[in-house]
Amino acid sequence: MGLFLLDYGAGNVQSLANSLKKLGHDFQWIQEPEDFHKATSLVFPGVGAFHAAIDHLDSRGLLKPLREYIDSGKPYFGICIGMQVLFESSAESPGVRGLGCIPCSIDSFSNQDKSVPHMGWNSIEFLDIEDPVHHEGMDPSSHYYFVHSYRAKYDPSNQEAAQWAHATTQYGQEVFTASVRRGNVFGTQFHPEKSGLAGLKILDTWLRKSEDARAYAPTTHRRSPREPKPKDGLTKRIVACMDVRANDEGDLVVTKGDQYDVREKTVPTSSSSTPTDVSIQAKTAGAVRNLGKPVSLASQYFSSGADELCLLNITSFRHSPLLDQPMLAVVRAAAECVFVPLTIGGGIKDTIDPDGTKRSALEVAGAYFRAGADKVSIGSEAVYAVEKMLASESGEGDGTSAIETIAKPYGRQAVVVSIDPRRVYIDNPTNYDGPYQDELVFGKPSGLERERGKAWWYQCTVSGGRENRPLSVVQLAKGVEKLGAGEILLNSIDRDGTGLGFDLDLVNLVKKSVRIPVVASSGAGKAEHFVQVFEGTGVEAALAAGIFHRGEVGIEDVKEALKAAGINARE
């Protein structure tokens, strides 16, 4: 008897398990229908498509016992999809019925004034006037992590459904239900297990109550419906990225290179160099640049206030990701000490093991999700998929790409596409009438001296920038959005490692071409560069690696610079 977790078979439930372990709460897993009778409190976490959750529960014989458990009056806490299944239906999966506890449907966000999915840290506002006991540790001064394309619109005219609403969040000009609380049921659209210390406080508050207190929430007086505010509470995200690979001794290390070259170079010695200096240079020349251990750095960046972390497996075992036990172990260990979203990239594709066993991209992604990842990043395979789609007669995806197969059960918010473009300069731009005429960027008189008077377009690459492909960055960005990607990680081969700042022309070009979130990457050299990219492009997030690893700029420095510039950032 006691606390049970429900794993419906998809999505990252390990993160919640790690959170509960950190907080000192014991739990068991629902393994079969009979386990619902043993549970005295139940938590249902998860991400993914509405139909995937319902279908998995139904196929395992868990759907009816779940509804019976909720109807029994015992405490229930649903997170993200665990909250959405309480509703009657979802526009994500027409014809699929939910549990029907809450008499309204889940609908899609409008992307007219914002990017969809809603991805990032946002604020909440309570609907009751004074009910701190039943706020369940939630704090309107904190931010919580949301990642979803569908939401329950807060509609006070539906009085029965409105009685379930506990708190709301505004995204763009839409106000939706951020949490529900009625009787024995508590649910959040955001992920407390990925919302840092503020999220852990919610889990701990609910679990430290007596089971009788968890199962009781009185109907309270609600505030009058409010009009949307001029601006929502979504913060700009700062992402710390770690390129991980095996060094020559076989240990996984965090590395960083200039234009993707991660080997140390021989430094010319000066007349003042000592024999010791020369000896160290001789030993390190040609070695993989070692900037730290991945789990240690991940923990450090979480403590420093990073909003998300990204681990990219850049070479090791990419031919067989499921046999890459060291990298899976890194993910598991990082997920045990990091309570913000974690993206994993490298080798997320259809592969064949050395023994001939075929492994699908979906299987590879599933292994990383079970290890503790929240999103997977796809690179070269996305380029090939878009090329295939554009060459087809229909101009549509055929459902076999890694993007499509992963997004279908896990939701598009789980799929990030990493793009590596390179500039292609045009000799005579005034007479250029090539296929990328509408994508040409012209160097500004106030820009870098080497760019003035020049024009260029951005060509996509694969294999870490080592091979050019006949595809522009706009074609690729629009293509991956069409295939079902939920976010774009936009690199720049020309700016990587330069410290000159983000390529604002590139970022603007892509940002204006898609309606999904974009993460700007490559070129950050100082905290002010983050201010520039947010003020100059409107991207949702910005990423850096080397300047964080080498201690040249701290995440705290970036947050302070954003705050000074009046840009909303998570404290």
Protein backbone atom coordinates (compact mmCIF):
# COMPACT_ATOMS: atom_id res chain seq x y z
CA MET A 1 0.00 0.00 0.00
CA GLY A 2 1.18 3.58 -0.57
CA LEU A 3 2.36 5.81 -3.39
CA PHE A 4 2.34 4.39 -6.93
CA LEU A 5 3.54 5.86 -10.24
CA LEU A 6 1.78 5.07 -13.50
CA ASP A 7 3.98 4.60 -16.57
CA TYR A 8 1.80 4.37 -19.66
CA GLY A 9 4.71 3.26 -21.85
CA ALA A 10 5.96 6.42 -23.53
CA GLY A 11 7.68 9.61 -22.48
CA ASN A 12 10.20 10.37 -19.78
CA VAL A 13 8.78 9.14 -16.47
CA GLN A 14 12.25 8.51 -15.05
CA SER A 15 12.64 12.20 -14.27
CA LEU A 16 9.71 12.09 -11.86
CA ALA A 17 11.10 8.95 -10.24
CA ASN A 18 14.45 10.74 -9.78
CA SER A 19 12.69 13.74 -8.26
CA LEU A 20 10.82 11.61 -5.73
CA LYS A 21 14.02 9.78 -4.78
CA LYS A 22 15.80 13.09 -4.22
CA LEU A 23 12.93 14.27 -2.02
CA GLY A 24 13.01 11.03 -0.01
CA HIS A 25 9.63 9.61 -1.01
CA ASP A 26 9.23 5.86 -1.56
CA PHE A 27 7.02 4.63 -4.38
CA GLN A 28 6.11 1.63 -6.49
CA TRP A 29 5.19 1.27 -10.16
CA ILE A 30 1.78 0.25 -11.46
CA GLN A 31 2.59 -3.04 -13.19
CA GLU A 32 -0.87 -4.53 -13.69
CA PRO A 33 -4.55 -3.58 -13.16
CA GLU A 34 -4.64 -5.11 -9.68
CA ASP A 35 -1.99 -2.62 -8.48
CA PHE A 36 -4.58 0.18 -8.49
CA HIS A 37 -6.23 -1.51 -5.50
CA LYS A 38 -2.93 -1.36 -3.60
CA ALA A 39 -2.36 2.32 -4.29
CA THR A 40 -3.45 4.88 -1.71
CA SER A 41 -1.98 7.76 -3.76
CA LEU A 42 -1.27 7.79 -7.49
CA VAL A 43 0.87 10.02 -9.73
CA PHE A 44 0.47 9.82 -13.51
CA PRO A 45 3.29 11.74 -15.30
CA GLY A 46 4.29 11.84 -18.93
CA VAL A 47 4.58 13.55 -22.26
CA GLY A 48 3.33 12.47 -25.64
CA ALA A 49 0.32 12.38 -27.88
CA PHE A 50 -3.17 12.09 -26.38
CA HIS A 51 -4.05 9.01 -28.46
CA ALA A 52 -0.78 7.30 -27.52
CA ALA A 53 -1.56 7.63 -23.82
CA ILE A 54 -5.14 6.39 -24.15
CA ASP A 55 -4.19 3.54 -26.51
CA HIS A 56 -1.36 2.32 -24.27
CA LEU A 57 -3.53 2.42 -21.17
CA ASP A 58 -6.34 0.59 -22.95
CA SER A 59 -4.08 -2.09 -24.49
CA ARG A 60 -2.58 -2.86 -21.07
CA GLY A 61 -5.97 -3.02 -19.37
CA LEU A 62 -5.22 0.05 -17.27
CA LEU A 63 -7.74 2.58 -18.58
CA LYS A 64 -10.84 1.32 -16.76
CA PRO A 65 -8.99 0.69 -13.44
CA LEU A 66 -7.54 4.22 -13.68
CA ARG A 67 -11.01 5.73 -13.96
CA GLU A 68 -12.25 3.53 -11.11
CA TYR A 69 -9.30 4.65 -8.97
CA ILE A 70 -10.10 8.33 -9.56
CA ASP A 71 -13.80 7.74 -8.84
CA SER A 72 -12.88 6.00 -5.56
CA GLY A 73 -11.81 9.34 -4.05
CA LYS A 74 -8.19 8.39 -3.45
CA PRO A 75 -5.54 11.08 -4.17
CA TYR A 76 -4.52 11.52 -7.81
CA PHE A 77 -1.81 13.80 -9.26
CA GLY A 78 -1.67 14.04 -13.08
CA ILE A 79 1.23 15.76 -14.85
CA CYS A 80 1.00 17.04 -18.45
CA ILE A 81 -0.62 14.13 -20.33
CA GLY A 82 -1.66 12.82 -16.91
CA MET A 83 -3.78 15.95 -16.56
CA GLN A 84 -5.03 16.05 -20.16
CA VAL A 85 -6.47 12.52 -20.06
CA LEU A 86 -8.91 13.77 -17.40
CA PHE A 87 -10.74 15.73 -20.12
CA GLU A 88 -13.36 14.40 -22.51
CA SER A 89 -11.28 14.58 -25.69
CA SER A 90 -8.41 16.31 -27.47
CA ALA A 91 -8.12 18.01 -30.85
CA GLU A 92 -4.77 16.24 -31.12
CA SER A 93 -6.57 12.90 -31.52
CA PRO A 94 -10.09 13.31 -32.95
CA GLY A 95 -12.37 10.41 -32.10
CA VAL A 96 -10.32 9.30 -29.07
CA ARG A 97 -12.19 9.62 -25.78
CA GLY A 98 -10.49 10.69 -22.58
CA LEU A 99 -11.58 9.79 -19.05
CA GLY A 100 -14.26 12.50 -19.13
CA CYS A 101 -13.80 13.64 -15.54
CA ILE A 102 -13.64 17.27 -16.66
CA PRO A 103 -16.48 18.20 -19.05
CA CYS A 104 -14.61 19.99 -21.83
CA SER A 105 -12.02 19.27 -24.49
CA ILE A 106 -8.34 19.96 -25.04
CA ASP A 107 -7.78 22.22 -28.05
CA SER A 108 -4.75 23.39 -30.02
CA PHE A 109 -2.93 26.66 -29.48
CA SER A 110 -3.21 29.30 -32.16
CA ASN A 111 0.19 30.06 -33.71
CA GLN A 112 -0.85 33.44 -35.13
CA ASP A 113 0.93 35.47 -32.46
CA LYS A 114 3.40 32.95 -31.08
CA SER A 115 5.37 29.78 -31.66
CA VAL A 116 3.81 26.40 -31.04
CA PRO A 117 4.60 24.21 -29.10
CA HIS A 118 4.43 26.37 -26.00
CA MET A 119 7.90 25.52 -24.76
CA GLY A 120 9.64 27.12 -21.82
CA TRP A 121 9.26 28.66 -18.39
CA ASN A 122 6.07 30.59 -17.73
CA SER A 123 4.25 32.06 -14.76
CA ILE A 124 0.92 31.06 -13.22
CA GLU A 125 -1.99 32.92 -11.65
CA PHE A 126 -4.34 31.41 -9.08
CA LEU A 127 -8.09 31.54 -9.58
CA ASP A 128 -9.09 31.42 -5.93
CA ILE A 129 -8.98 34.55 -3.83
CA GLU A 130 -7.43 33.18 -0.66
CA ASP A 131 -6.66 29.50 -0.42
CA PRO A 132 -2.93 29.08 0.33
CA VAL A 133 -3.45 25.67 1.92
CA HIS A 134 -4.62 24.30 -1.40
CA HIS A 135 -2.05 26.04 -3.56
CA GLU A 136 0.00 22.83 -3.25
CA GLY A 137 3.33 24.65 -3.00
CA MET A 138 2.78 26.59 -6.23
CA ASP A 139 4.03 30.17 -6.22
CA PRO A 140 2.88 32.92 -8.63
CA SER A 141 6.30 34.56 -8.30
CA SER A 142 8.02 31.44 -9.72
CA HIS A 143 8.22 30.09 -13.25
CA TYR A 144 7.37 26.52 -14.29
CA TYR A 145 8.36 24.50 -17.32
CA PHE A 146 5.71 23.92 -20.00
CA VAL A 147 6.08 21.88 -23.20
CA HIS A 148 2.84 21.27 -25.12
CA SER A 149 0.95 22.11 -28.31
CA TYR A 150 -2.57 21.53 -26.94
CA ARG A 151 -4.26 23.15 -23.95
CA ALA A 152 -7.49 23.44 -22.02
CA LYS A 153 -8.74 26.96 -22.64
CA TYR A 154 -9.95 28.63 -19.47
CA ASP A 155 -13.62 29.30 -20.17
CA PRO A 156 -15.55 30.69 -17.18
CA SER A 157 -18.82 30.37 -19.14
CA ASN A 158 -18.51 26.58 -18.77
CA GLN A 159 -19.20 26.73 -15.06
CA GLU A 160 -18.82 23.01 -14.38
CA ALA A 161 -15.43 22.83 -16.09
CA ALA A 162 -14.36 26.14 -14.56
CA GLN A 163 -14.82 24.66 -11.07
CA TRP A 164 -11.91 22.36 -11.84
CA ALA A 165 -9.55 25.19 -12.81
CA HIS A 166 -7.02 25.92 -10.11
CA ALA A 167 -4.52 28.23 -11.84
CA THR A 168 -4.09 29.71 -15.29
CA THR A 169 -1.20 30.69 -17.54
CA GLN A 170 -1.11 33.15 -20.40
CA TYR A 171 0.77 32.38 -23.62
CA GLY A 172 0.55 35.03 -26.28
CA GLN A 173 -3.02 36.29 -25.89
CA GLU A 174 -4.46 32.93 -24.82
CA VAL A 175 -5.28 32.11 -21.21
CA PHE A 176 -5.40 28.39 -20.45
CA THR A 177 -5.70 26.07 -17.46
CA ALA A 178 -2.29 25.51 -15.89
CA SER A 179 -3.53 23.34 -13.04
CA VAL A 180 -6.74 21.65 -11.89
CA ARG A 181 -7.71 20.88 -8.30
CA ARG A 182 -11.01 19.44 -7.15
CA GLY A 183 -11.77 16.82 -4.53
CA ASN A 184 -9.11 14.13 -4.73
CA VAL A 185 -7.73 15.27 -8.09
CA PHE A 186 -4.74 17.54 -8.67
CA GLY A 187 -3.13 18.07 -12.07
CA THR A 188 -0.61 20.38 -13.72
CA GLN A 189 -0.07 21.13 -17.39
CA PHE A 190 3.54 22.05 -16.60
CA HIS A 191 6.21 19.63 -15.41
CA PRO A 192 7.12 20.13 -11.73
CA GLU A 193 9.86 17.49 -12.05
CA LYS A 194 11.49 19.69 -14.72
CA SER A 195 10.80 23.03 -13.02
CA GLY A 196 13.88 23.17 -10.80
CA LEU A 197 13.58 23.76 -7.09
CA ALA A 198 10.20 25.50 -7.52
CA GLY A 199 8.81 22.34 -9.10
CA LEU A 200 10.32 20.02 -6.51
CA LYS A 201 8.59 22.10 -3.84
CA ILE A 202 5.19 21.30 -5.43
CA LEU A 203 5.84 17.55 -5.42
CA ASP A 204 7.14 17.64 -1.86
CA THR A 205 4.25 19.78 -0.58
CA TRP A 206 1.61 17.46 -2.03
CA LEU A 207 3.33 14.29 -0.84
CA ARG A 208 4.00 15.51 2.70
CA LYS A 209 0.32 16.14 3.28
CA SER A 210 -1.72 13.41 4.86
CA GLU A 211 -3.59 11.27 2.35
CA ASP A 212 -6.86 12.67 3.68
CA ALA A 213 -5.61 16.22 2.96
CA ARG A 214 -4.48 15.24 -0.54
CA ALA A 215 -7.93 13.87 -1.25
CA TYR A 216 -9.82 17.00 -0.23
CA ALA A 217 -9.96 20.38 -1.95
CA PRO A 218 -13.03 22.49 -1.20
CA THR A 219 -14.84 24.52 -3.81
CA THR A 220 -13.62 28.08 -3.33
CA HIS A 221 -14.73 31.48 -4.50
CA ARG A 222 -13.18 32.22 -7.87
CA ARG A 223 -11.84 35.52 -9.13
CA SER A 224 -13.70 37.30 -11.86
CA PRO A 225 -12.38 36.30 -15.30
CA ARG A 226 -9.46 38.48 -16.30
CA GLU A 227 -8.60 39.84 -19.71
CA PRO A 228 -5.23 38.76 -21.19
CA LYS A 229 -2.36 40.99 -20.17
CA PRO A 230 -0.40 42.88 -22.85
CA LYS A 231 2.48 40.41 -22.44
CA ASP A 232 2.64 36.85 -21.20
CA GLY A 233 5.05 35.57 -18.55
CA LEU A 234 7.17 33.35 -20.80
CA THR A 235 10.88 33.76 -20.10
CA LYS A 236 13.78 33.57 -22.51
CA ARG A 237 15.70 30.31 -22.06
CA ILE A 238 19.46 29.98 -21.60
CA VAL A 239 20.71 26.57 -22.72
CA ALA A 240 24.08 25.08 -21.79
CA CYS A 241 25.29 22.60 -24.39
CA MET A 242 27.90 19.88 -23.87
CA ASP A 243 29.52 18.11 -26.81
CA VAL A 244 30.38 14.67 -25.45
CA ARG A 245 32.76 12.17 -27.00
CA ALA A 246 35.27 9.52 -25.97
CA ASN A 247 38.86 10.67 -25.69
CA ASP A 248 41.77 8.53 -26.80
CA GLU A 249 41.72 6.70 -23.46
CA GLY A 250 38.05 5.77 -23.90
CA ASP A 251 36.65 8.16 -21.26
CA LEU A 252 33.64 10.34 -22.09
CA VAL A 253 34.54 14.02 -21.82
CA VAL A 254 32.97 17.34 -22.67
CA THR A 255 34.85 18.94 -25.54
CA LYS A 256 34.57 21.97 -27.80
CA GLY A 257 36.28 22.94 -31.00
CA ASP A 258 36.66 25.75 -33.47
CA GLN A 259 34.48 25.02 -36.49
CA TYR A 260 33.95 21.50 -35.12
CA ASP A 261 37.66 20.56 -34.73
CA VAL A 262 37.98 19.21 -31.18
CA ARG A 263 41.66 18.20 -31.24
CA GLU A 264 44.25 20.23 -29.35
CA LYS A 265 46.77 22.00 -31.55
CA THR A 266 50.50 22.46 -31.03
CA VAL A 267 51.12 25.96 -29.72
CA PRO A 268 54.28 27.66 -31.04
CA THR A 269 56.73 28.04 -28.19
CA SER A 270 58.27 31.36 -27.28
CA SER A 271 61.70 32.13 -25.93
CA SER A 272 60.16 32.39 -22.46
CA SER A 273 58.63 28.92 -22.58
CA THR A 274 59.92 26.56 -19.92
CA PRO A 275 60.75 22.89 -20.52
CA THR A 276 57.62 22.05 -18.56
CA ASP A 277 55.45 24.14 -20.92
CA VAL A 278 56.94 22.42 -23.94
CA SER A 279 56.44 18.98 -22.34
CA ILE A 280 52.74 19.68 -21.62
CA GLN A 281 52.15 20.94 -25.16
CA ALA A 282 53.78 17.86 -26.62
CA LYS A 283 51.57 15.58 -24.56
CA THR A 284 48.31 17.37 -25.34
CA ALA A 285 48.86 18.20 -29.01
CA GLY A 286 46.43 16.18 -31.09
CA ALA A 287 44.46 14.97 -28.08
CA VAL A 288 40.72 15.44 -27.71
CA ARG A 289 40.13 18.75 -25.92
CA ASN A 290 38.92 17.91 -22.41
CA LEU A 291 36.79 20.59 -20.74
CA GLY A 292 35.32 18.45 -18.00
CA LYS A 293 33.16 15.47 -17.13
CA PRO A 294 29.62 15.62 -18.55
CA VAL A 295 27.68 14.75 -15.39
CA SER A 296 29.73 17.10 -13.22
CA LEU A 297 29.28 19.98 -15.65
CA ALA A 298 25.56 19.25 -16.04
CA SER A 299 25.11 19.45 -12.27
CA GLN A 300 27.13 22.66 -12.14
CA TYR A 301 25.04 24.32 -14.87
CA PHE A 302 21.78 23.28 -13.19
CA SER A 303 22.96 24.89 -9.95
CA SER A 304 24.00 28.01 -11.87
CA GLY A 305 20.50 28.51 -13.26
CA ALA A 306 20.61 27.02 -16.76
CA ASP A 307 17.07 26.71 -18.09
CA GLU A 308 17.86 23.64 -20.18
CA LEU A 309 20.80 21.34 -20.83
CA CYS A 310 21.84 19.67 -24.05
CA LEU A 311 24.15 16.63 -24.34
CA LEU A 312 25.34 15.92 -27.88
CA ASN A 313 27.18 12.65 -28.50
CA ILE A 314 29.36 13.92 -31.37
CA THR A 315 31.30 10.79 -32.32
CA SER A 316 31.27 7.94 -29.85
CA PHE A 317 29.29 4.81 -30.82
CA ARG A 318 27.10 6.73 -33.26
CA HIS A 319 26.97 3.67 -35.51
CA SER A 320 25.18 1.79 -32.73
CA PRO A 321 23.59 4.12 -30.15
CA LEU A 322 21.80 1.37 -28.22
CA LEU A 323 25.13 -0.35 -27.57
CA ASP A 324 26.56 2.93 -26.32
CA GLN A 325 26.14 2.05 -22.65
CA PRO A 326 28.57 4.74 -21.43
CA MET A 327 26.47 7.51 -23.02
CA LEU A 328 23.22 6.03 -21.72
CA ALA A 329 24.84 5.88 -18.30
CA VAL A 330 25.78 9.57 -18.58
CA VAL A 331 22.16 10.43 -19.37
CA ARG A 332 20.89 8.39 -16.41
CA ALA A 333 23.38 9.98 -14.03
CA ALA A 334 22.71 13.51 -15.29
CA ALA A 335 18.95 13.02 -14.95
CA GLU A 336 19.43 12.09 -11.29
CA CYS A 337 20.93 15.49 -10.42
CA VAL A 338 19.41 17.82 -13.03
CA PHE A 339 15.79 18.92 -12.69
CA VAL A 340 15.44 21.00 -15.84
CA PRO A 341 14.81 19.70 -19.39
CA LEU A 342 17.53 17.53 -20.91
CA THR A 343 18.02 17.13 -24.67
CA ILE A 344 20.12 14.29 -26.10
CA GLY A 345 21.54 14.21 -29.61
CA GLY A 346 23.83 12.06 -31.73
CA GLY A 347 22.91 8.89 -33.57
CA ILE A 348 19.13 9.27 -33.32
CA LYS A 349 18.45 7.38 -36.54
CA ASP A 350 17.72 3.94 -37.98
CA THR A 351 20.83 1.83 -37.38
CA ILE A 352 22.10 -1.72 -37.65
CA ASP A 353 24.08 -3.27 -34.80
CA PRO A 354 27.34 -5.07 -35.56
CA ASP A 355 25.48 -8.39 -35.25
CA GLY A 356 22.98 -7.33 -37.93
CA THR A 357 20.13 -6.36 -35.59
CA LYS A 358 18.11 -3.49 -37.01
CA ARG A 359 17.31 -0.62 -34.66
CA SER A 360 14.79 2.07 -35.50
CA ALA A 361 15.18 5.74 -34.64
CA LEU A 362 12.06 5.38 -32.49
CA GLU A 363 13.73 2.58 -30.52
CA VAL A 364 16.88 4.63 -30.04
CA ALA A 365 14.89 7.67 -28.90
CA GLY A 366 12.84 5.51 -26.53
CA ALA A 367 16.02 4.24 -24.85
CA TYR A 368 17.17 7.80 -24.19
CA PHE A 369 13.73 8.86 -22.95
CA ARG A 370 13.69 5.94 -20.51
CA ALA A 371 17.18 6.93 -19.36
CA GLY A 372 15.97 10.43 -18.48
CA ALA A 373 16.04 12.56 -21.64
CA ASP A 374 13.12 14.89 -22.36
CA LYS A 375 13.89 15.67 -26.00
CA VAL A 376 16.04 14.14 -28.72
CA SER A 377 18.00 16.13 -31.28
CA ILE A 378 18.22 14.97 -34.90
CA GLY A 379 20.82 16.37 -37.32
CA SER A 380 21.91 14.88 -40.62
CA GLU A 381 18.95 12.50 -40.79
CA ALA A 382 16.61 15.49 -40.86
CA VAL A 383 18.40 16.87 -43.93
CA TYR A 384 18.04 13.57 -45.78
CA ALA A 385 14.36 13.34 -44.78
CA VAL A 386 13.57 16.81 -46.14
CA GLU A 387 15.46 16.10 -49.36
CA LYS A 388 13.40 12.95 -49.79
CA MET A 389 10.15 14.79 -49.07
CA LEU A 390 10.91 17.59 -51.54
CA ALA A 391 11.81 15.07 -54.24
CA SER A 392 8.57 13.12 -53.81
CA GLU A 393 5.56 13.66 -56.05
CA SER A 394 3.32 14.48 -53.09
CA GLY A 395 5.76 16.84 -51.39
CA GLU A 396 4.75 15.24 -48.11
CA GLY A 397 6.51 13.02 -45.63
CA ASP A 398 5.93 9.29 -46.01
CA GLY A 399 5.83 8.61 -42.26
CA THR A 400 9.17 6.78 -42.14
CA SER A 401 11.58 9.55 -41.15
CA ALA A 402 13.00 9.74 -37.64
CA ILE A 403 11.14 13.01 -37.08
CA GLU A 404 7.76 11.50 -37.98
CA THR A 405 8.15 8.17 -36.20
CA ILE A 406 9.27 9.79 -32.94
CA ALA A 407 6.80 12.68 -33.00
CA LYS A 408 3.78 10.41 -33.55
CA PRO A 409 3.84 8.69 -30.12
CA TYR A 410 5.87 11.22 -28.13
CA GLY A 411 4.51 14.47 -29.56
CA ARG A 412 6.34 17.00 -31.71
CA GLN A 413 7.64 18.75 -28.59
CA ALA A 414 9.99 15.79 -28.03
CA VAL A 415 11.80 16.27 -31.37
CA VAL A 416 14.48 18.92 -31.89
CA VAL A 417 16.25 19.35 -35.23
CA SER A 418 19.82 20.64 -35.14
CA ILE A 419 20.74 22.59 -38.27
CA ASP A 420 24.34 23.30 -39.36
CA PRO A 421 24.31 25.92 -42.17
CA ARG A 422 27.27 27.54 -43.89
CA ARG A 423 27.38 30.78 -45.86
CA VAL A 424 27.72 30.65 -49.64
CA TYR A 425 28.90 34.01 -50.98
CA ILE A 426 27.57 35.38 -54.29
CA ASP A 427 30.10 37.07 -56.57
CA ASN A 428 27.65 39.36 -58.36
CA PRO A 429 24.56 39.65 -56.15
CA THR A 430 22.86 42.38 -58.20
CA ASN A 431 22.61 40.01 -61.18
CA TYR A 432 21.90 36.85 -59.17
CA ASP A 433 18.70 35.08 -60.25
CA GLY A 434 19.38 31.69 -58.71
CA PRO A 435 17.00 29.56 -56.63
CA TYR A 436 17.88 31.31 -53.36
CA GLN A 437 17.29 34.88 -54.52
CA ASP A 438 14.64 35.47 -51.87
CA GLU A 439 16.97 34.21 -49.15
CA LEU A 440 19.99 36.40 -49.93
CA VAL A 441 21.47 38.32 -47.01
CA PHE A 442 23.42 41.51 -47.70
CA GLY A 443 26.25 42.67 -45.49
CA LYS A 444 25.41 45.87 -43.63
CA PRO A 445 27.66 48.96 -43.70
CA SER A 446 27.62 48.85 -39.90
CA GLY A 447 28.40 45.12 -39.77
CA LEU A 448 31.70 43.28 -39.62
CA GLU A 449 34.24 44.74 -42.05
CA ARG A 450 34.70 41.43 -43.86
CA GLU A 451 30.94 41.25 -44.57
CA ARG A 452 30.41 44.75 -45.98
CA GLY A 453 29.42 44.87 -49.62
CA LYS A 454 28.92 41.11 -49.81
CA ALA A 455 25.87 38.90 -50.16
CA TRP A 456 25.27 35.27 -49.32
CA TRP A 457 22.76 32.50 -48.72
CA TYR A 458 22.95 29.69 -46.19
CA GLN A 459 23.59 26.14 -47.35
CA CYS A 460 22.83 23.15 -45.14
CA THR A 461 25.44 20.56 -44.26
CA VAL A 462 25.60 17.07 -42.76
CA SER A 463 28.19 15.05 -40.84
CA GLY A 464 29.11 17.90 -38.52
CA GLY A 465 29.60 20.39 -41.33
CA ARG A 466 31.92 18.19 -43.34
CA GLU A 467 29.55 17.74 -46.32
CA ASN A 468 27.47 20.36 -48.10
CA ARG A 469 23.99 19.50 -49.35
CA PRO A 470 21.89 21.14 -52.10
CA LEU A 471 19.41 22.53 -49.59
CA SER A 472 19.03 26.01 -48.13
CA VAL A 473 18.49 26.70 -44.46
CA VAL A 474 14.97 28.01 -45.16
CA GLN A 475 14.06 24.88 -47.13
CA LEU A 476 15.31 22.72 -44.29
CA ALA A 477 13.62 24.71 -41.52
CA LYS A 478 10.25 24.70 -43.27
CA GLY A 479 10.68 21.04 -44.17
CA VAL A 480 11.36 19.79 -40.65
CA GLU A 481 8.45 21.83 -39.32
CA LYS A 482 6.21 20.15 -41.89
CA LEU A 483 7.51 16.70 -40.93
CA GLY A 484 6.65 17.30 -37.27
CA ALA A 485 9.69 18.76 -35.49
CA GLY A 486 8.81 20.82 -32.43
CA GLU A 487 11.93 22.97 -32.14
CA ILE A 488 14.96 24.04 -34.19
CA LEU A 489 18.47 24.29 -32.77
CA LEU A 490 20.12 26.72 -35.19
CA ASN A 491 23.91 26.56 -35.38
CA SER A 492 26.30 28.55 -37.58
CA ILE A 493 29.47 26.98 -38.93
CA ASP A 494 30.79 30.45 -39.80
CA ARG A 495 30.32 31.82 -36.28
CA ASP A 496 31.11 28.71 -34.20
CA GLY A 497 33.96 29.40 -31.81
CA THR A 498 34.53 32.97 -33.01
CA GLY A 499 33.07 34.85 -30.03
CA LEU A 500 31.73 37.47 -32.47
CA GLY A 501 28.14 37.00 -31.41
CA PHE A 502 25.20 35.13 -32.88
CA ASP A 503 24.56 35.44 -36.62
CA LEU A 504 21.47 37.64 -36.31
CA ASP A 505 20.80 37.60 -40.06
CA LEU A 506 20.69 33.81 -40.06
CA VAL A 507 18.55 33.66 -36.93
CA ASN A 508 16.06 36.18 -38.29
CA LEU A 509 15.86 34.36 -41.62
CA VAL A 510 14.89 31.09 -39.95
CA LYS A 511 12.74 32.60 -37.22
CA LYS A 512 10.57 34.35 -39.80
CA SER A 513 10.21 31.15 -41.84
CA VAL A 514 8.70 28.85 -39.18
CA ARG A 515 6.11 28.88 -36.41
CA ILE A 516 7.94 26.54 -34.02
CA PRO A 517 10.44 27.66 -31.34
CA VAL A 518 14.03 28.41 -32.39
CA VAL A 519 17.18 28.14 -30.26
CA ALA A 520 20.01 30.40 -31.43
CA SER A 521 23.48 28.85 -31.23
CA SER A 522 27.11 29.53 -32.21
CA GLY A 523 29.20 32.66 -31.71
CA ALA A 524 28.39 33.87 -28.20
CA GLY A 525 31.44 35.50 -26.64
CA LYS A 526 29.97 37.69 -23.93
CA ALA A 527 26.76 38.16 -22.00
CA GLU A 528 25.69 41.09 -24.18
CA HIS A 529 25.45 38.77 -27.18
CA PHE A 530 22.47 37.06 -25.55
CA VAL A 531 20.77 40.42 -25.11
CA GLN A 532 21.40 41.20 -28.78
CA VAL A 533 19.93 37.96 -30.09
CA PHE A 534 16.79 38.22 -27.96
CA GLU A 535 16.23 41.88 -28.76
CA GLY A 536 17.11 41.52 -32.44
CA THR A 537 15.36 38.30 -33.44
CA GLY A 538 12.65 37.26 -31.00
CA VAL A 539 13.96 33.70 -30.61
CA GLU A 540 12.75 31.75 -27.58
CA ALA A 541 16.16 30.50 -26.42
CA ALA A 542 19.90 30.93 -26.90
CA LEU A 543 22.63 28.36 -26.40
CA ALA A 544 26.33 28.46 -25.62
CA ALA A 545 29.01 25.93 -24.85
CA GLY A 546 32.68 26.91 -24.80
CA ILE A 547 32.31 30.23 -22.97
CA PHE A 548 30.47 28.41 -20.19
CA HIS A 549 32.90 25.47 -20.08
CA ARG A 550 35.97 27.73 -19.92
CA GLY A 551 34.42 30.04 -17.32
CA GLU A 552 34.69 33.09 -19.59
CA VAL A 553 31.02 33.91 -19.04
CA GLY A 554 28.78 32.49 -16.34
CA ILE A 555 25.10 31.67 -16.71
CA GLU A 556 24.49 34.06 -13.82
CA ASP A 557 26.23 36.80 -15.85
CA VAL A 558 23.88 36.18 -18.76
CA LYS A 559 20.80 36.29 -16.55
CA GLU A 560 21.96 39.57 -14.99
CA ALA A 561 22.54 41.10 -18.43
CA LEU A 562 19.06 40.06 -19.55
CA LYS A 563 17.52 41.48 -16.40
CA ALA A 564 19.36 44.79 -16.86
CA ALA A 565 18.04 44.97 -20.43
CA GLY A 566 14.46 44.38 -19.30
CA ILE A 567 14.27 40.90 -20.85
CA ASN A 568 12.18 38.38 -18.92
CA ALA A 569 14.42 35.59 -17.61
CA ARG A 570 13.99 32.98 -14.92
CA GLU A 571 15.57 33.98 -11.61
